[in-house]
Protein backbone atom coordinates (compact mmCIF):
# COMPACT_ATOMS: atom_id res chain seq x y z
CA MET A 1 0.03 -0.04 0.04
CA ASP A 2 1.17 3.51 -0.65
CA PHE A 3 0.22 7.05 -1.70
CA LYS A 4 0.56 7.98 -5.41
CA GLY A 5 1.90 11.50 -4.89
CA HIS A 6 -0.69 14.22 -4.25
CA PHE A 7 -1.83 16.63 -6.95
CA ALA A 8 -3.92 19.85 -7.01
CA LEU A 9 -7.45 19.96 -7.93
CA THR A 10 -8.65 22.33 -10.41
CA ASP A 11 -10.95 24.08 -8.03
CA ALA A 12 -8.20 25.54 -5.62
CA ARG A 13 -10.81 25.64 -2.74
CA ALA A 14 -11.03 21.85 -2.79
CA GLY A 15 -7.31 21.43 -1.93
CA ARG A 16 -5.35 18.38 -3.24
CA CYS A 17 -5.99 14.78 -3.96
CA HIS A 18 -3.87 11.97 -2.27
CA PRO A 19 -4.50 8.76 -4.14
CA LEU A 20 -4.20 5.83 -1.71
CA THR A 21 -3.46 2.42 -3.54
CA ILE A 22 -3.45 -1.08 -2.33
CA LEU A 23 -2.36 -3.78 -4.82
CA ASP A 24 -2.57 -7.60 -4.40
CA ASP A 25 1.01 -8.96 -4.78
CA HIS A 26 0.12 -12.18 -6.66
CA SER A 27 -2.43 -11.00 -9.13
CA ARG A 28 -1.73 -7.29 -9.38
CA TYR A 29 -5.49 -6.80 -8.56
CA ASN A 30 -6.08 -3.21 -7.28
CA LEU A 31 -8.15 -3.54 -4.07
CA CYS A 32 -8.06 0.22 -3.24
CA LEU A 33 -7.84 3.36 -5.15
CA SER A 34 -9.16 6.01 -2.89
CA ALA A 35 -9.25 9.85 -3.38
CA CYS A 36 -8.10 11.00 0.05
CA GLY A 37 -7.96 14.63 1.04
CA ASN A 38 -4.86 13.97 3.19
CA GLU A 39 -2.45 11.29 4.38
CA GLN A 40 -3.34 11.19 7.93
CA ARG A 41 -3.70 7.82 10.00
CA SER A 42 -7.45 8.22 10.46
CA THR A 43 -8.17 8.77 6.84
CA VAL A 44 -5.92 5.79 5.88
CA GLN A 45 -7.64 3.57 8.44
CA THR A 46 -11.09 4.36 7.26
CA ALA A 47 -10.14 3.45 3.61
CA LEU A 48 -8.31 0.20 4.92
CA GLN A 49 -11.43 -0.79 6.91
CA ALA A 50 -13.82 -0.32 3.87
CA THR A 51 -11.30 -2.49 1.79
CA PHE A 52 -11.03 -5.20 4.41
CA GLU A 53 -14.88 -5.31 4.78
CA ARG A 54 -15.26 -5.83 1.07
CA TYR A 55 -12.26 -8.09 0.42
CA GLY A 56 -11.29 -9.79 3.90
CA LEU A 57 -8.16 -9.43 5.68
CA PRO A 58 -4.82 -10.04 4.08
CA GLU A 59 -2.01 -12.22 5.57
CA ARG A 60 0.54 -9.52 5.05
CA MET A 61 0.79 -5.84 3.93
CA THR A 62 4.02 -3.92 2.84
CA ALA A 63 4.30 -0.18 3.00
CA ASP A 64 7.25 2.25 2.96
CA ASN A 65 8.64 3.71 6.19
CA GLY A 66 7.13 7.10 6.06
CA ALA A 67 4.10 8.19 8.12
CA PRO A 68 1.36 7.01 8.70
CA TRP A 69 2.71 3.51 8.02
CA GLY A 70 5.96 3.89 9.79
CA THR A 71 7.73 6.12 12.45
CA SER A 72 11.09 7.62 13.07
CA GLY A 73 13.09 7.94 16.23
CA ARG A 74 11.86 6.41 19.49
CA ALA A 75 8.23 5.98 18.46
CA GLY A 76 8.66 2.19 17.36
CA LEU A 77 5.54 0.84 15.81
CA SER A 78 2.96 3.39 14.35
CA GLN A 79 -0.50 3.42 15.57
CA LEU A 80 -1.70 2.22 12.24
CA ALA A 81 0.74 -0.65 12.36
CA VAL A 82 -0.53 -1.52 15.79
CA TRP A 83 -4.13 -1.70 14.43
CA LEU A 84 -3.09 -3.94 11.61
CA ILE A 85 -1.21 -6.19 13.88
CA ARG A 86 -4.15 -6.48 16.22
CA LEU A 87 -6.09 -7.64 13.18
CA GLY A 88 -3.64 -10.42 12.67
CA ILE A 89 -1.92 -8.89 9.68
CA ARG A 90 1.86 -9.10 9.32
CA VAL A 91 3.16 -5.75 8.62
CA GLY A 92 6.41 -5.17 6.58
CA HIS A 93 8.23 -2.08 5.46
CA SER A 94 10.43 -1.47 2.31
CA ARG A 95 13.97 -0.67 3.00
CA PRO A 96 14.78 3.00 3.32
CA HIS A 97 15.88 4.68 0.27
CA HIS A 98 14.92 1.61 -1.75
CA PRO A 99 11.52 2.35 -3.23
CA GLN A 100 12.02 -0.46 -5.77
CA THR A 101 11.12 -2.89 -2.86
CA GLN A 102 7.48 -1.98 -3.87
CA GLY A 103 8.26 -2.30 -7.61
CA LYS A 104 4.65 -3.64 -8.50
CA ASP A 105 3.20 -0.62 -6.71
CA GLU A 106 5.49 1.83 -8.54
CA ARG A 107 4.56 0.37 -11.86
CA PHE A 108 0.92 0.66 -11.00
CA HIS A 109 1.35 4.35 -10.08
CA ARG A 110 3.01 5.02 -13.49
CA THR A 111 0.23 3.37 -15.31
CA LEU A 112 -2.26 5.40 -13.38
CA LYS A 113 -0.43 8.55 -14.12
CA LEU A 114 -0.03 7.83 -17.79
CA GLU A 115 -3.50 6.55 -18.52
CA LEU A 116 -5.54 8.75 -16.28
CA LEU A 117 -3.89 11.51 -14.21
CA GLN A 118 -1.91 13.14 -17.07
CA ARG A 119 -4.97 13.35 -19.37
CA ASN A 120 -7.40 14.86 -17.02
CA GLY A 121 -8.08 17.66 -14.41
CA PHE A 122 -10.43 17.10 -11.47
CA GLU A 123 -12.26 19.85 -9.60
CA SER A 124 -13.17 17.79 -6.49
CA LEU A 125 -12.37 14.70 -4.68
CA ASP A 126 -15.79 13.25 -5.60
CA ALA A 127 -14.84 13.87 -9.36
CA CYS A 128 -11.51 12.05 -8.68
CA GLN A 129 -13.18 9.14 -7.02
CA PHE A 130 -15.62 8.81 -9.84
CA ALA A 131 -12.87 8.66 -12.43
CA PHE A 132 -10.73 6.34 -10.17
CA ASP A 133 -13.59 3.95 -9.85
CA ARG A 134 -14.16 3.70 -13.79
CA TRP A 135 -10.42 3.44 -14.39
CA ARG A 136 -9.90 0.77 -11.64
CA GLU A 137 -12.70 -1.36 -13.23
CA ARG A 138 -11.06 -1.40 -16.49
CA TYR A 139 -7.72 -2.05 -14.96
CA ASN A 140 -8.81 -5.19 -12.95
CA THR A 141 -11.23 -6.71 -15.42
CA VAL A 142 -10.38 -5.57 -19.07
CA ARG A 143 -6.85 -4.64 -19.48
CA PRO A 144 -4.45 -7.47 -20.05
CA HIS A 145 -1.02 -7.46 -18.22
CA GLU A 146 2.19 -8.52 -19.65
CA ALA A 147 3.43 -9.92 -16.32
CA LEU A 148 0.35 -12.08 -16.17
CA GLN A 149 0.89 -13.62 -19.49
CA GLN A 150 -1.67 -11.20 -21.02
CA GLN A 151 -4.40 -12.19 -18.36
CA THR A 152 -6.32 -9.72 -16.38
CA PRO A 153 -5.92 -9.32 -12.52
CA ILE A 154 -9.30 -10.39 -11.72
CA SER A 155 -8.58 -13.73 -13.44
CA ARG A 156 -5.82 -14.31 -10.93
CA TYR A 157 -7.28 -12.73 -7.90
CA ARG A 158 -8.81 -14.70 -4.93
CA ALA A 159 -10.47 -12.89 -1.99
CA SER A 160 -9.35 -13.66 1.56
CA GLY A 161 -11.41 -15.94 3.71
CA ARG A 162 -10.60 -13.94 6.86
CA ALA A 163 -13.55 -11.61 7.53
CA PHE A 164 -12.90 -8.14 9.08
CA PRO A 165 -14.16 -8.38 12.86
CA SER A 166 -16.77 -5.97 14.16
CA VAL A 167 -14.72 -5.69 17.32
CA LEU A 168 -10.89 -6.00 17.66
CA PRO A 169 -10.14 -9.55 19.12
CA PRO A 170 -8.56 -9.58 22.65
CA ILE A 171 -4.84 -9.82 22.91
CA GLU A 172 -3.98 -13.25 24.38
CA TYR A 173 -0.58 -14.90 25.08
CA PRO A 174 0.30 -18.41 26.19
CA SER A 175 0.07 -19.02 29.84
CA GLY A 176 3.91 -19.37 30.21
CA ASP A 177 4.59 -15.79 28.89
CA THR A 178 5.20 -12.74 31.24
CA VAL A 179 2.68 -10.10 30.30
CA ARG A 180 3.23 -6.42 30.88
CA LYS A 181 1.30 -3.32 29.94
CA VAL A 182 3.19 -0.62 28.08
CA SER A 183 3.28 2.68 30.02
CA ASP A 184 2.35 6.05 28.66
CA LYS A 185 6.08 6.68 28.15
CA GLY A 186 6.29 3.48 25.89
CA GLU A 187 8.17 1.54 28.58
CA ILE A 188 7.66 -1.86 30.48
CA SER A 189 9.03 -2.98 33.82
CA PHE A 190 10.93 -6.32 33.97
CA GLN A 191 13.28 -7.86 36.47
CA ASN A 192 13.36 -4.47 38.41
CA ARG A 193 14.36 -2.60 35.22
CA ARG A 194 12.62 -0.24 32.76
CA TYR A 195 12.89 -1.07 28.97
CA PHE A 196 11.57 1.11 26.13
CA ILE A 197 9.15 -0.73 23.82
CA GLY A 198 7.62 2.16 21.72
CA GLU A 199 5.36 5.05 22.02
CA GLY A 200 3.02 3.67 19.49
CA LEU A 201 2.31 0.77 21.89
CA ARG A 202 1.09 2.88 24.84
CA THR A 203 -1.44 0.96 26.99
CA GLN A 204 -0.99 -2.24 24.87
CA LEU A 205 -0.26 -5.64 26.40
CA VAL A 206 3.06 -7.36 25.34
CA ALA A 207 4.56 -10.65 26.18
CA ILE A 208 8.08 -11.50 27.41
CA LYS A 209 9.39 -14.92 26.27
CA PRO A 210 12.61 -16.57 27.31
CA THR A 211 14.93 -17.68 24.56
CA THR A 212 17.48 -20.55 24.39
CA ILE A 213 20.18 -18.13 25.49
CA ASP A 214 20.50 -17.43 29.38
CA ASP A 215 19.18 -14.00 30.32
CA VAL A 216 18.05 -13.12 26.94
CA TYR A 217 14.26 -12.58 26.34
CA GLU A 218 12.06 -11.66 23.36
CA VAL A 219 9.32 -9.13 23.65
CA PHE A 220 6.25 -9.71 21.46
CA PHE A 221 3.25 -7.66 20.58
CA CYS A 222 0.64 -10.26 19.38
CA HIS A 223 2.55 -12.18 16.75
CA LYS A 224 5.34 -9.45 16.11
CA GLU A 225 8.63 -9.59 17.95
CA ILE A 226 9.49 -5.97 19.11
CA ARG A 227 12.79 -6.26 20.73
CA ARG A 228 15.20 -8.43 22.67
CA ILE A 229 16.21 -7.82 26.28
CA ASN A 230 19.47 -9.06 27.58
CA LEU A 231 19.67 -8.91 31.44
CA ARG A 232 23.51 -8.75 31.17
CA ASP A 233 23.42 -5.45 29.40
CA SER A 234 23.46 -2.09 31.39
CA PRO A 235 19.93 -0.78 31.83
């Protein structure tokens, strides 16, 4: 998932359009082409929820390291990543300064720009969305793709069998794990020491699991390993 660089609308009062795109890695099927008014977490989460309600939950999603997908500095996981992980989705990020990691998205964006954005102007987000929906239908169901041996994405795509839940499932860990609640500062207490976990995990429950190495522990949030703790290191 990614944003295809924003562009100005012809009515200056309407601001800019930020196209949010989600592409299925196997089939190139476009699951989301949303005309967003900004790139804020709440806007992205609303678009993702609508996509998940229609197509089900994916096993994994990959995005770049910028906001709202990733964070910088001490924040750790972003709030958006925390929400996706709570849904059981494995979240990955492209390597910094290597946008080619998401090469299929980049090619999709070039096609979108060449076939639609360069040829048209749009006065509003509604006008953008109307054009996006028409173009997306053709892209998915009519236009043959060289990478798919001239087949269409819809001929390869299979929807997920994992339904979007009406309520986030509770966080549960095996009985042998040590469970801690992350503080408002993004820290946990373990063995009389404080360890930074991430500001994005404030108030969330994490599990501390022993490893095969003495005094070394893994810290997990749901299925994702967050960090390792070595009791022999200085706090």
